[in-house]
Structures are given as C-alpha cells and as structure tokens.
Amino acid sequence: MSKRQARVKTDPELIKQLDQTASNEDLVEAVFTLRLSTKQLLAPMQVEEVTQKVLHRVSQQVGIDAKEVNIFRNIGAFVISAPPSFIRELLSEPEIASAIANQQPKQIRIPTAK
C-alpha cells in the first residue's frame, strides 16, 4: 500500500477482494467518498465534476475504464465496478477520502421480537 493509500480509510474487505481477484478481467465493486476541502459537503454539481475528473485521470493512468459508475451527488460519494488495477489506482488519488467494498460478507441476522 502506498503512502497516499494509507491516508484513505479503506475497508479491509475491499483489500481482501482486490487481493483475491485473479486478473483485470474480473471486476471489483467499491463505494468511494470524496475528500472535503472544507467542513461543508460539496455541491451536487461539484461532486459530479470531481468524480468525472478523477475517473478520467485514473483511466488515463491505467489504460482501462471503469465498467459502471453511479454517482451519489447529494452525499459526495460514488459506487464503481472496475478491474482491480483501476480500483487500486483510484485509492491513491488525493480526492478520495474512504473506500468500502460494495459486496460485503453475509451478516448474522439478529432475530426480532414477534
């Protein structure tokens, strides 16, 4: 993990999925939140612009594109399905604050009272 990646809060499950992915033909799904430059959330259009800029830059750096992206403009986050090399490079970008695996292991259900 690079020094930049150490600044990104990264879900251990995401790292595990990246490590277990056999090739760049396989896809990993992750949810990323953007780093704020102030204490306030970014405006929805800023979230769109920053996300597109970062994704384009990563695409240029690794030579491949993300397969699917859904931007959550009102909360400063996006979900992406991409090859592991794309996800790893995205983790090193300064605009990224945190990342979690979109697919989590099954959780134990707590029974509810009837």
PDB file of N, CA and C in Angstrom:
ATOM      1  N   MET A   1       0.846  -1.175   0.000  1.00  0.00           N
ATOM      2  CA  MET A   1       0.000   0.000   0.000  1.00  0.00           C
ATOM      3  C   MET A   1       0.891   1.238   0.000  1.00  0.00           C
ATOM      4  N   SER A   2       0.575   2.207  -0.868  1.00  0.00           N
ATOM      5  CA  SER A   2       1.385   3.414  -0.968  1.00  0.00           C
ATOM      6  C   SER A   2       1.069   4.376   0.181  1.00  0.00           C
ATOM      7  N   LYS A   3       1.908   5.420   0.300  1.00  0.00           N
ATOM      8  CA  LYS A   3       1.672   6.423   1.338  1.00  0.00           C
ATOM      9  C   LYS A   3       0.331   7.104   1.133  1.00  0.00           C
ATOM     10  N   ARG A   4      -0.003   7.375  -0.114  1.00  0.00           N
ATOM     11  CA  ARG A   4      -1.294   8.001  -0.402  1.00  0.00           C
ATOM     12  C   ARG A   4      -2.443   7.106   0.043  1.00  0.00           C
ATOM     13  N   GLN A   5      -2.349   5.815  -0.267  1.00  0.00           N
ATOM     14  CA  GLN A   5      -3.416   4.898   0.107  1.00  0.00           C
ATOM     15  C   GLN A   5      -3.576   4.834   1.614  1.00  0.00           C
ATOM     16  N   ALA A   6      -2.509   5.019   2.350  1.00  0.00           N
ATOM     17  CA  ALA A   6      -2.587   4.978   3.807  1.00  0.00           C
ATOM     18  C   ALA A   6      -3.475   6.105   4.334  1.00  0.00           C
ATOM     19  N   ARG A   7      -3.595   7.206   3.587  1.00  0.00           N
ATOM     20  CA  ARG A   7      -4.445   8.319   4.000  1.00  0.00           C
ATOM     21  C   ARG A   7      -5.916   8.053   3.706  1.00  0.00           C
ATOM     22  N   VAL A   8      -6.200   7.090   2.879  1.00  0.00           N
ATOM     23  CA  VAL A   8      -7.574   6.742   2.535  1.00  0.00           C
ATOM     24  C   VAL A   8      -8.050   5.675   3.506  1.00  0.00           C
ATOM     25  N   LYS A   9      -9.160   5.941   4.168  1.00  0.00           N
ATOM     26  CA  LYS A   9      -9.747   4.919   5.037  1.00  0.00           C
ATOM     27  C   LYS A   9     -10.294   3.829   4.131  1.00  0.00           C
ATOM     28  N   THR A  10      -9.690   2.646   4.220  1.00  0.00           N
ATOM     29  CA  THR A  10     -10.044   1.560   3.311  1.00  0.00           C
ATOM     30  C   THR A  10     -10.554   0.358   4.085  1.00  0.00           C
ATOM     31  N   ASP A  11     -11.705  -0.120   3.682  1.00  0.00           N
ATOM     32  CA  ASP A  11     -12.342  -1.291   4.263  1.00  0.00           C
ATOM     33  C   ASP A  11     -11.445  -2.520   4.056  1.00  0.00           C
ATOM     34  N   PRO A  12     -11.131  -3.261   5.109  1.00  0.00           N
ATOM     35  CA  PRO A  12     -10.319  -4.477   4.953  1.00  0.00           C
ATOM     36  C   PRO A  12     -10.950  -5.479   3.974  1.00  0.00           C
ATOM     37  N   GLU A  13     -12.264  -5.513   3.903  1.00  0.00           N
ATOM     38  CA  GLU A  13     -12.935  -6.418   2.961  1.00  0.00           C
ATOM     39  C   GLU A  13     -12.623  -6.027   1.515  1.00  0.00           C
ATOM     40  N   LEU A  14     -12.509  -4.746   1.239  1.00  0.00           N
ATOM     41  CA  LEU A  14     -12.146  -4.304  -0.115  1.00  0.00           C
ATOM     42  C   LEU A  14     -10.729  -4.747  -0.459  1.00  0.00           C
ATOM     43  N   ILE A  15      -9.791  -4.565   0.461  1.00  0.00           N
ATOM     44  CA  ILE A  15      -8.412  -5.007   0.228  1.00  0.00           C
ATOM     45  C   ILE A  15      -8.386  -6.513  -0.027  1.00  0.00           C
ATOM     46  N   LYS A  16      -9.135  -7.262   0.754  1.00  0.00           N
ATOM     47  CA  LYS A  16      -9.209  -8.716   0.590  1.00  0.00           C
ATOM     48  C   LYS A  16      -9.732  -9.069  -0.804  1.00  0.00           C
ATOM     49  N   GLN A  17     -10.787  -8.392  -1.251  1.00  0.00           N
ATOM     50  CA  GLN A  17     -11.347  -8.669  -2.574  1.00  0.00           C
ATOM     51  C   GLN A  17     -10.368  -8.301  -3.680  1.00  0.00           C
ATOM     52  N   LEU A  18      -9.654  -7.210  -3.510  1.00  0.00           N
ATOM     53  CA  LEU A  18      -8.650  -6.829  -4.510  1.00  0.00           C
ATOM     54  C   LEU A  18      -7.533  -7.866  -4.578  1.00  0.00           C
ATOM     55  N   ASP A  19      -7.099  -8.342  -3.415  1.00  0.00           N
ATOM     56  CA  ASP A  19      -6.024  -9.334  -3.367  1.00  0.00           C
ATOM     57  C   ASP A  19      -6.460 -10.685  -3.941  1.00  0.00           C
ATOM     58  N   GLN A  20      -7.735 -11.011  -3.814  1.00  0.00           N
ATOM     59  CA  GLN A  20      -8.230 -12.307  -4.279  1.00  0.00           C
ATOM     60  C   GLN A  20      -8.652 -12.299  -5.745  1.00  0.00           C
ATOM     61  N   THR A  21      -8.746 -11.129  -6.348  1.00  0.00           N
ATOM     62  CA  THR A  21      -9.170 -11.047  -7.741  1.00  0.00           C
ATOM     63  C   THR A  21      -8.038 -11.505  -8.642  1.00  0.00           C
ATOM     64  N   ALA A  22      -8.347 -12.464  -9.483  1.00  0.00           N
ATOM     65  CA  ALA A  22      -7.319 -13.141 -10.268  1.00  0.00           C
ATOM     66  C   ALA A  22      -6.709 -12.274 -11.368  1.00  0.00           C
ATOM     67  N   SER A  23      -7.523 -11.475 -12.051  1.00  0.00           N
ATOM     68  CA  SER A  23      -6.993 -10.732 -13.193  1.00  0.00           C
ATOM     69  C   SER A  23      -7.782  -9.447 -13.396  1.00  0.00           C
ATOM     70  N   ASN A  24      -7.306  -8.639 -14.333  1.00  0.00           N
ATOM     71  CA  ASN A  24      -8.008  -7.405 -14.663  1.00  0.00           C
ATOM     72  C   ASN A  24      -9.277  -7.652 -15.465  1.00  0.00           C
ATOM     73  N   GLU A  25      -9.557  -8.897 -15.800  1.00  0.00           N
ATOM     74  CA  GLU A  25     -10.811  -9.205 -16.471  1.00  0.00           C
ATOM     75  C   GLU A  25     -11.941  -9.341 -15.459  1.00  0.00           C
ATOM     76  N   ASP A  26     -11.587  -9.606 -14.195  1.00  0.00           N
ATOM     77  CA  ASP A  26     -12.576  -9.673 -13.128  1.00  0.00           C
ATOM     78  C   ASP A  26     -12.855  -8.256 -12.641  1.00  0.00           C
ATOM     79  N   LEU A  27     -14.045  -8.056 -12.086  1.00  0.00           N
ATOM     80  CA  LEU A  27     -14.423  -6.736 -11.605  1.00  0.00           C
ATOM     81  C   LEU A  27     -14.579  -6.734 -10.091  1.00  0.00           C
ATOM     82  N   VAL A  28     -14.290  -5.596  -9.497  1.00  0.00           N
ATOM     83  CA  VAL A  28     -14.478  -5.379  -8.067  1.00  0.00           C
ATOM     84  C   VAL A  28     -15.421  -4.186  -7.945  1.00  0.00           C
ATOM     85  N   GLU A  29     -16.345  -4.271  -7.008  1.00  0.00           N
ATOM     86  CA  GLU A  29     -17.270  -3.166  -6.764  1.00  0.00           C
ATOM     87  C   GLU A  29     -16.909  -2.487  -5.450  1.00  0.00           C
ATOM     88  N   ALA A  30     -16.855  -1.151  -5.492  1.00  0.00           N
ATOM     89  CA  ALA A  30     -16.490  -0.399  -4.287  1.00  0.00           C
ATOM     90  C   ALA A  30     -17.256   0.910  -4.234  1.00  0.00           C
ATOM     91  N   VAL A  31     -17.449   1.392  -3.010  1.00  0.00           N
ATOM     92  CA  VAL A  31     -18.080   2.687  -2.774  1.00  0.00           C
ATOM     93  C   VAL A  31     -16.999   3.632  -2.252  1.00  0.00           C
ATOM     94  N   PHE A  32     -16.850   4.770  -2.913  1.00  0.00           N
ATOM     95  CA  PHE A  32     -15.847   5.765  -2.544  1.00  0.00           C
ATOM     96  C   PHE A  32     -16.523   7.038  -2.070  1.00  0.00           C
ATOM     97  N   THR A  33     -15.945   7.673  -1.059  1.00  0.00           N
ATOM     98  CA  THR A  33     -16.379   9.004  -0.665  1.00  0.00           C
ATOM     99  C   THR A  33     -15.270   9.985  -0.995  1.00  0.00           C
ATOM    100  N   LEU A  34     -15.693  11.188  -1.360  1.00  0.00           N
ATOM    101  CA  LEU A  34     -14.725  12.216  -1.730  1.00  0.00           C
ATOM    102  C   LEU A  34     -14.225  12.960  -0.507  1.00  0.00           C
ATOM    103  N   ARG A  35     -12.978  13.376  -0.573  1.00  0.00           N
ATOM    104  CA  ARG A  35     -12.352  14.160   0.486  1.00  0.00           C
ATOM    105  C   ARG A  35     -12.879  15.595   0.374  1.00  0.00           C
ATOM    106  N   LEU A  36     -13.231  16.175   1.486  1.00  0.00           N
ATOM    107  CA  LEU A  36     -13.727  17.546   1.503  1.00  0.00           C
ATOM    108  C   LEU A  36     -12.580  18.509   1.770  1.00  0.00           C
ATOM    109  N   SER A  37     -12.574  19.629   1.070  1.00  0.00           N
ATOM    110  CA  SER A  37     -11.542  20.633   1.323  1.00  0.00           C
ATOM    111  C   SER A  37     -11.980  21.572   2.448  1.00  0.00           C
ATOM    112  N   THR A  38     -13.271  21.557   2.759  1.00  0.00           N
ATOM    113  CA  THR A  38     -13.812  22.349   3.865  1.00  0.00           C
ATOM    114  C   THR A  38     -14.694  21.431   4.696  1.00  0.00           C
ATOM    115  N   LYS A  39     -15.294  21.962   5.712  1.00  0.00           N
ATOM    116  CA  LYS A  39     -16.181  21.176   6.574  1.00  0.00           C
ATOM    117  C   LYS A  39     -17.543  20.948   5.925  1.00  0.00           C
ATOM    118  N   GLN A  40     -17.830  21.659   4.842  1.00  0.00           N
ATOM    119  CA  GLN A  40     -19.127  21.541   4.191  1.00  0.00           C
ATOM    120  C   GLN A  40     -19.081  20.519   3.069  1.00  0.00           C
ATOM    121  N   LEU A  41     -20.239  19.908   2.811  1.00  0.00           N
ATOM    122  CA  LEU A  41     -20.356  18.984   1.689  1.00  0.00           C
ATOM    123  C   LEU A  41     -20.187  19.746   0.378  1.00  0.00           C
ATOM    124  N   LEU A  42     -19.701  19.046  -0.624  1.00  0.00           N
ATOM    125  CA  LEU A  42     -19.622  19.634  -1.951  1.00  0.00           C
ATOM    126  C   LEU A  42     -21.028  19.776  -2.524  1.00  0.00           C
ATOM    127  N   ALA A  43     -21.221  20.784  -3.357  1.00  0.00           N
ATOM    128  CA  ALA A  43     -22.489  20.925  -4.067  1.00  0.00           C
ATOM    129  C   ALA A  43     -22.629  19.736  -5.020  1.00  0.00           C
ATOM    130  N   PRO A  44     -23.867  19.320  -5.306  1.00  0.00           N
ATOM    131  CA  PRO A  44     -24.064  18.154  -6.185  1.00  0.00           C
ATOM    132  C   PRO A  44     -23.306  18.230  -7.514  1.00  0.00           C
ATOM    133  N   MET A  45     -23.289  19.393  -8.150  1.00  0.00           N
ATOM    134  CA  MET A  45     -22.573  19.511  -9.428  1.00  0.00           C
ATOM    135  C   MET A  45     -21.064  19.394  -9.229  1.00  0.00           C
ATOM    136  N   GLN A  46     -20.552  19.859  -8.081  1.00  0.00           N
ATOM    137  CA  GLN A  46     -19.127  19.713  -7.792  1.00  0.00           C
ATOM    138  C   GLN A  46     -18.782  18.237  -7.611  1.00  0.00           C
ATOM    139  N   VAL A  47     -19.645  17.499  -6.953  1.00  0.00           N
ATOM    140  CA  VAL A  47     -19.415  16.060  -6.770  1.00  0.00           C
ATOM    141  C   VAL A  47     -19.320  15.383  -8.127  1.00  0.00           C
ATOM    142  N   GLU A  48     -20.229  15.709  -9.016  1.00  0.00           N
ATOM    143  CA  GLU A  48     -20.226  15.153 -10.378  1.00  0.00           C
ATOM    144  C   GLU A  48     -18.920  15.505 -11.092  1.00  0.00           C
ATOM    145  N   GLU A  49     -18.528  16.769 -11.047  1.00  0.00           N
ATOM    146  CA  GLU A  49     -17.327  17.231 -11.738  1.00  0.00           C
ATOM    147  C   GLU A  49     -16.063  16.578 -11.187  1.00  0.00           C
ATOM    148  N   VAL A  50     -15.920  16.563  -9.869  1.00  0.00           N
ATOM    149  CA  VAL A  50     -14.731  15.978  -9.248  1.00  0.00           C
ATOM    150  C   VAL A  50     -14.651  14.490  -9.555  1.00  0.00           C
ATOM    151  N   THR A  51     -15.777  13.797  -9.441  1.00  0.00           N
ATOM    152  CA  THR A  51     -15.788  12.358  -9.711  1.00  0.00           C
ATOM    153  C   THR A  51     -15.382  12.070 -11.151  1.00  0.00           C
ATOM    154  N   GLN A  52     -15.975  12.787 -12.099  1.00  0.00           N
ATOM    155  CA  GLN A  52     -15.635  12.581 -13.513  1.00  0.00           C
ATOM    156  C   GLN A  52     -14.160  12.871 -13.776  1.00  0.00           C
ATOM    157  N   LYS A  53     -13.639  13.921 -13.161  1.00  0.00           N
ATOM    158  CA  LYS A  53     -12.221  14.290 -13.342  1.00  0.00           C
ATOM    159  C   LYS A  53     -11.300  13.187 -12.822  1.00  0.00           C
ATOM    160  N   VAL A  54     -11.597  12.689 -11.633  1.00  0.00           N
ATOM    161  CA  VAL A  54     -10.768  11.637 -11.031  1.00  0.00           C
ATOM    162  C   VAL A  54     -10.846  10.361 -11.861  1.00  0.00           C
ATOM    163  N   LEU A  55     -12.045   9.973 -12.266  1.00  0.00           N
ATOM    164  CA  LEU A  55     -12.198   8.742 -13.046  1.00  0.00           C
ATOM    165  C   LEU A  55     -11.485   8.838 -14.388  1.00  0.00           C
ATOM    166  N   HIS A  56     -11.553  10.000 -15.017  1.00  0.00           N
ATOM    167  CA  HIS A  56     -10.847  10.190 -16.292  1.00  0.00           C
ATOM    168  C   HIS A  56      -9.333  10.091 -16.095  1.00  0.00           C
ATOM    169  N   ARG A  57      -8.831  10.738 -15.035  1.00  0.00           N
ATOM    170  CA  ARG A  57      -7.393  10.700 -14.753  1.00  0.00           C
ATOM    171  C   ARG A  57      -6.919   9.268 -14.500  1.00  0.00           C
ATOM    172  N   VAL A  58      -7.670   8.517 -13.692  1.00  0.00           N
ATOM    173  CA  VAL A  58      -7.297   7.128 -13.401  1.00  0.00           C
ATOM    174  C   VAL A  58      -7.342   6.294 -14.679  1.00  0.00           C
ATOM    175  N   SER A  59      -8.363   6.507 -15.489  1.00  0.00           N
ATOM    176  CA  SER A  59      -8.473   5.781 -16.756  1.00  0.00           C
ATOM    177  C   SER A  59      -7.247   6.028 -17.640  1.00  0.00           C
ATOM    178  N   GLN A  60      -6.791   7.263 -17.688  1.00  0.00           N
ATOM    179  CA  GLN A  60      -5.591   7.603 -18.465  1.00  0.00           C
ATOM    180  C   GLN A  60      -4.351   6.932 -17.883  1.00  0.00           C
ATOM    181  N   GLN A  61      -4.260   6.860 -16.559  1.00  0.00           N
ATOM    182  CA  GLN A  61      -3.082   6.294 -15.903  1.00  0.00           C
ATOM    183  C   GLN A  61      -2.989   4.784 -16.073  1.00  0.00           C
ATOM    184  N   VAL A  62      -4.118   4.076 -15.994  1.00  0.00           N
ATOM    185  CA  VAL A  62      -4.064   2.607 -16.057  1.00  0.00           C
ATOM    186  C   VAL A  62      -4.408   2.049 -17.432  1.00  0.00           C
ATOM    187  N   GLY A  63      -4.928   2.891 -18.317  1.00  0.00           N
ATOM    188  CA  GLY A  63      -5.224   2.452 -19.675  1.00  0.00           C
ATOM    189  C   GLY A  63      -6.488   1.623 -19.816  1.00  0.00           C
ATOM    190  N   ILE A  64      -7.344   1.632 -18.821  1.00  0.00           N
ATOM    191  CA  ILE A  64      -8.634   0.935 -18.894  1.00  0.00           C
ATOM    192  C   ILE A  64      -9.692   1.806 -18.232  1.00  0.00           C
ATOM    193  N   ASP A  65     -10.946   1.534 -18.550  1.00  0.00           N
ATOM    194  CA  ASP A  65     -12.056   2.299 -17.989  1.00  0.00           C
ATOM    195  C   ASP A  65     -12.793   1.493 -16.935  1.00  0.00           C
ATOM    196  N   ALA A  66     -13.509   2.211 -16.079  1.00  0.00           N
ATOM    197  CA  ALA A  66     -14.445   1.560 -15.162  1.00  0.00           C
ATOM    198  C   ALA A  66     -15.588   1.001 -16.001  1.00  0.00           C
ATOM    199  N   LYS A  67     -16.195  -0.065 -15.527  1.00  0.00           N
ATOM    200  CA  LYS A  67     -17.310  -0.669 -16.268  1.00  0.00           C
ATOM    201  C   LYS A  67     -18.637   0.009 -15.952  1.00  0.00           C
ATOM    202  N   GLU A  68     -18.873   0.325 -14.678  1.00  0.00           N
ATOM    203  CA  GLU A  68     -20.094   1.005 -14.267  1.00  0.00           C
ATOM    204  C   GLU A  68     -19.781   1.984 -13.155  1.00  0.00           C
ATOM    205  N   VAL A  69     -20.483   3.112 -13.168  1.00  0.00           N
ATOM    206  CA  VAL A  69     -20.325   4.129 -12.126  1.00  0.00           C
ATOM    207  C   VAL A  69     -21.696   4.704 -11.824  1.00  0.00           C
ATOM    208  N   ASN A  70     -21.982   4.884 -10.538  1.00  0.00           N
ATOM    209  CA  ASN A  70     -23.195   5.568 -10.117  1.00  0.00           C
ATOM    210  C   ASN A  70     -22.770   6.614  -9.094  1.00  0.00           C
ATOM    211  N   ILE A  71     -22.992   7.877  -9.419  1.00  0.00           N
ATOM    212  CA  ILE A  71     -22.566   8.973  -8.555  1.00  0.00           C
ATOM    213  C   ILE A  71     -23.720   9.389  -7.646  1.00  0.00           C
ATOM    214  N   PHE A  72     -23.420   9.466  -6.354  1.00  0.00           N
ATOM    215  CA  PHE A  72     -24.381   9.928  -5.361  1.00  0.00           C
ATOM    216  C   PHE A  72     -24.061  11.396  -5.077  1.00  0.00           C
ATOM    217  N   ARG A  73     -24.573  12.273  -5.908  1.00  0.00           N
ATOM    218  CA  ARG A  73     -24.203  13.692  -5.874  1.00  0.00           C
ATOM    219  C   ARG A  73     -24.533  14.382  -4.560  1.00  0.00           C
ATOM    220  N   ASN A  74     -25.606  13.978  -3.919  1.00  0.00           N
ATOM    221  CA  ASN A  74     -26.020  14.685  -2.700  1.00  0.00           C
ATOM    222  C   ASN A  74     -25.219  14.289  -1.459  1.00  0.00           C
ATOM    223  N   ILE A  75     -24.455  13.209  -1.542  1.00  0.00           N
ATOM    224  CA  ILE A  75     -23.675  12.794  -0.362  1.00  0.00           C
ATOM    225  C   ILE A  75     -22.169  12.711  -0.634  1.00  0.00           C
ATOM    226  N   GLY A  76     -21.738  13.141  -1.802  1.00  0.00           N
ATOM    227  CA  GLY A  76     -20.309  13.188  -2.093  1.00  0.00           C
ATOM    228  C   GLY A  76     -19.664  11.824  -2.205  1.00  0.00           C
ATOM    229  N   ALA A  77     -20.351  10.908  -2.869  1.00  0.00           N
ATOM    230  CA  ALA A  77     -19.832   9.540  -2.977  1.00  0.00           C
ATOM    231  C   ALA A  77     -20.207   8.951  -4.337  1.00  0.00           C
ATOM    232  N   PHE A  78     -19.579   7.809  -4.655  1.00  0.00           N
ATOM    233  CA  PHE A  78     -19.939   7.083  -5.870  1.00  0.00           C
ATOM    234  C   PHE A  78     -19.607   5.610  -5.688  1.00  0.00           C
ATOM    235  N   VAL A  79     -20.332   4.786  -6.436  1.00  0.00           N
ATOM    236  CA  VAL A  79     -20.072   3.348  -6.450  1.00  0.00           C
ATOM    237  C   VAL A  79     -19.550   3.015  -7.840  1.00  0.00           C
ATOM    238  N   ILE A  80     -18.601   2.095  -7.886  1.00  0.00           N
ATOM    239  CA  ILE A  80     -17.942   1.780  -9.147  1.00  0.00           C
ATOM    240  C   ILE A  80     -17.717   0.284  -9.264  1.00  0.00           C
ATOM    241  N   SER A  81     -17.813  -0.202 -10.479  1.00  0.00           N
ATOM    242  CA  SER A  81     -17.452  -1.573 -10.818  1.00  0.00           C
ATOM    243  C   SER A  81     -16.319  -1.467 -11.832  1.00  0.00           C
ATOM    244  N   ALA A  82     -15.149  -1.987 -11.461  1.00  0.00           N
ATOM    245  CA  ALA A  82     -13.967  -1.804 -12.302  1.00  0.00           C
ATOM    246  C   ALA A  82     -12.948  -2.909 -12.043  1.00  0.00           C
ATOM    247  N   PRO A  83     -12.005  -3.067 -12.960  1.00  0.00           N
ATOM    248  CA  PRO A  83     -10.917  -4.018 -12.725  1.00  0.00           C
ATOM    249  C   PRO A  83     -10.101  -3.604 -11.497  1.00  0.00           C
ATOM    250  N   PRO A  84      -9.445  -4.564 -10.843  1.00  0.00           N
ATOM    251  CA  PRO A  84      -8.694  -4.267  -9.626  1.00  0.00           C
ATOM    252  C   PRO A  84      -7.609  -3.204  -9.806  1.00  0.00           C
ATOM    253  N   SER A  85      -6.940  -3.164 -10.949  1.00  0.00           N
ATOM    254  CA  SER A  85      -5.891  -2.151 -11.144  1.00  0.00           C
ATOM    255  C   SER A  85      -6.490  -0.748 -11.142  1.00  0.00           C
ATOM    256  N   PHE A  86      -7.687  -0.606 -11.655  1.00  0.00           N
ATOM    257  CA  PHE A  86      -8.373   0.687 -11.654  1.00  0.00           C
ATOM    258  C   PHE A  86      -8.706   1.091 -10.219  1.00  0.00           C
ATOM    259  N   ILE A  87      -9.268   0.149  -9.453  1.00  0.00           N
ATOM    260  CA  ILE A  87      -9.638   0.419  -8.059  1.00  0.00           C
ATOM    261  C   ILE A  87      -8.397   0.783  -7.235  1.00  0.00           C
ATOM    262  N   ARG A  88      -7.319   0.037  -7.413  1.00  0.00           N
ATOM    263  CA  ARG A  88      -6.089   0.317  -6.663  1.00  0.00           C
ATOM    264  C   ARG A  88      -5.558   1.717  -6.969  1.00  0.00           C
ATOM    265  N   GLU A  89      -5.574   2.093  -8.226  1.00  0.00           N
ATOM    266  CA  GLU A  89      -5.102   3.431  -8.595  1.00  0.00           C
ATOM    267  C   GLU A  89      -6.037   4.496  -8.035  1.00  0.00           C
ATOM    268  N   LEU A  90      -7.318   4.241  -8.059  1.00  0.00           N
ATOM    269  CA  LEU A  90      -8.297   5.181  -7.509  1.00  0.00           C
ATOM    270  C   LEU A  90      -8.050   5.424  -6.021  1.00  0.00           C
ATOM    271  N   LEU A  91      -7.623   4.394  -5.314  1.00  0.00           N
ATOM    272  CA  LEU A  91      -7.310   4.528  -3.889  1.00  0.00           C
ATOM    273  C   LEU A  91      -6.157   5.503  -3.629  1.00  0.00           C
ATOM    274  N   SER A  92      -5.320   5.739  -4.631  1.00  0.00           N
ATOM    275  CA  SER A  92      -4.163   6.616  -4.436  1.00  0.00           C
ATOM    276  C   SER A  92      -4.435   8.070  -4.829  1.00  0.00           C
ATOM    277  N   GLU A  93      -5.644   8.349  -5.277  1.00  0.00           N
ATOM    278  CA  GLU A  93      -5.955   9.706  -5.720  1.00  0.00           C
ATOM    279  C   GLU A  93      -6.261  10.625  -4.530  1.00  0.00           C
ATOM    280  N   PRO A  94      -5.771  11.862  -4.558  1.00  0.00           N
ATOM    281  CA  PRO A  94      -5.929  12.765  -3.413  1.00  0.00           C
ATOM    282  C   PRO A  94      -7.376  13.152  -3.112  1.00  0.00           C
ATOM    283  N   GLU A  95      -8.262  13.053  -4.070  1.00  0.00           N
ATOM    284  CA  GLU A  95      -9.664  13.424  -3.852  1.00  0.00           C
ATOM    285  C   GLU A  95     -10.454  12.371  -3.082  1.00  0.00           C
ATOM    286  N   ILE A  96      -9.883  11.187  -2.905  1.00  0.00           N
ATOM    287  CA  ILE A  96     -10.592  10.078  -2.259  1.00  0.00           C
ATOM    288  C   ILE A  96     -10.345  10.081  -0.758  1.00  0.00           C
ATOM    289  N   ALA A  97     -11.434  10.039   0.021  1.00  0.00           N
ATOM    290  CA  ALA A  97     -11.340  10.023   1.486  1.00  0.00           C
ATOM    291  C   ALA A  97     -11.464   8.615   2.042  1.00  0.00           C
ATOM    292  N   SER A  98     -12.376   7.821   1.478  1.00  0.00           N
ATOM    293  CA  SER A  98     -12.579   6.471   2.008  1.00  0.00           C
ATOM    294  C   SER A  98     -13.125   5.555   0.924  1.00  0.00           C
ATOM    295  N   ALA A  99     -12.974   4.254   1.172  1.00  0.00           N
ATOM    296  CA  ALA A  99     -13.460   3.250   0.228  1.00  0.00           C
ATOM    297  C   ALA A  99     -13.892   2.007   0.987  1.00  0.00           C
ATOM    298  N   ILE A 100     -15.035   1.452   0.585  1.00  0.00           N
ATOM    299  CA  ILE A 100     -15.509   0.204   1.173  1.00  0.00           C
ATOM    300  C   ILE A 100     -15.961  -0.725   0.060  1.00  0.00           C
ATOM    301  N   ALA A 101     -15.878  -2.004   0.321  1.00  0.00           N
ATOM    302  CA  ALA A 101     -16.358  -2.990  -0.640  1.00  0.00           C
ATOM    303  C   ALA A 101     -17.871  -2.865  -0.756  1.00  0.00           C
ATOM    304  N   ASN A 102     -18.375  -2.879  -1.968  1.00  0.00           N
ATOM    305  CA  ASN A 102     -19.819  -2.817  -2.173  1.00  0.00           C
ATOM    306  C   ASN A 102     -20.475  -4.145  -1.806  1.00  0.00           C
ATOM    307  N   GLN A 103     -19.759  -5.227  -2.023  1.00  0.00           N
ATOM    308  CA  GLN A 103     -20.254  -6.563  -1.666  1.00  0.00           C
ATOM    309  C   GLN A 103     -19.596  -6.964  -0.350  1.00  0.00           C
ATOM    310  N   GLN A 104     -20.395  -7.102   0.679  1.00  0.00           N
ATOM    311  CA  GLN A 104     -19.897  -7.473   2.000  1.00  0.00           C
ATOM    312  C   GLN A 104     -20.281  -8.911   2.306  1.00  0.00           C
ATOM    313  N   PRO A 105     -19.500  -9.583   3.168  1.00  0.00           N
ATOM    314  CA  PRO A 105     -19.882 -10.944   3.567  1.00  0.00           C
ATOM    315  C   PRO A 105     -21.245 -10.901   4.238  1.00  0.00           C
ATOM    316  N   LYS A 106     -21.931 -12.024   4.175  1.00  0.00           N
ATOM    317  CA  LYS A 106     -23.252 -12.084   4.804  1.00  0.00           C
ATOM    318  C   LYS A 106     -23.130 -11.797   6.289  1.00  0.00           C
ATOM    319  N   GLN A 107     -24.047 -11.007   6.765  1.00  0.00           N
ATOM    320  CA  GLN A 107     -24.083 -10.645   8.171  1.00  0.00           C
ATOM    321  C   GLN A 107     -25.034 -11.573   8.922  1.00  0.00           C
ATOM    322  N   ILE A 108     -24.774 -11.762  10.185  1.00  0.00           N
ATOM    323  CA  ILE A 108     -25.663 -12.561  11.025  1.00  0.00           C
ATOM    324  C   ILE A 108     -26.904 -11.728  11.319  1.00  0.00           C
ATOM    325  N   ARG A 109     -28.049 -12.319  11.093  1.00  0.00           N
ATOM    326  CA  ARG A 109     -29.301 -11.611  11.386  1.00  0.00           C
ATOM    327  C   ARG A 109     -29.656 -11.782  12.851  1.00  0.00           C
ATOM    328  N   ILE A 110     -30.038 -10.696  13.445  1.00  0.00           N
ATOM    329  CA  ILE A 110     -30.471 -10.725  14.832  1.00  0.00           C
ATOM    330  C   ILE A 110     -31.978 -10.905  14.816  1.00  0.00           C
ATOM    331  N   PRO A 111     -32.476 -11.944  15.504  1.00  0.00           N
ATOM    332  CA  PRO A 111     -33.922 -12.161  15.500  1.00  0.00           C
ATOM    333  C   PRO A 111     -34.647 -10.992  16.162  1.00  0.00           C
ATOM    334  N   THR A 112     -35.792 -10.680  15.609  1.00  0.00           N
ATOM    335  CA  THR A 112     -36.607  -9.615  16.194  1.00  0.00           C
ATOM    336  C   THR A 112     -37.735 -10.230  17.005  1.00  0.00           C
ATOM    337  N   ALA A 113     -38.201  -9.502  17.965  1.00  0.00           N
ATOM    338  CA  ALA A 113     -39.305  -9.988  18.799  1.00  0.00           C
ATOM    339  C   ALA A 113     -40.586  -9.960  17.982  1.00  0.00           C
ATOM    340  N   LYS A 114     -41.419 -10.951  18.197  1.00  0.00           N
ATOM    341  CA  LYS A 114     -42.695 -11.016  17.458  1.00  0.00           C
ATOM    342  C   LYS A 114     -43.813 -10.423  18.245  1.00  0.00           C
TER     343      LYS A 114
END
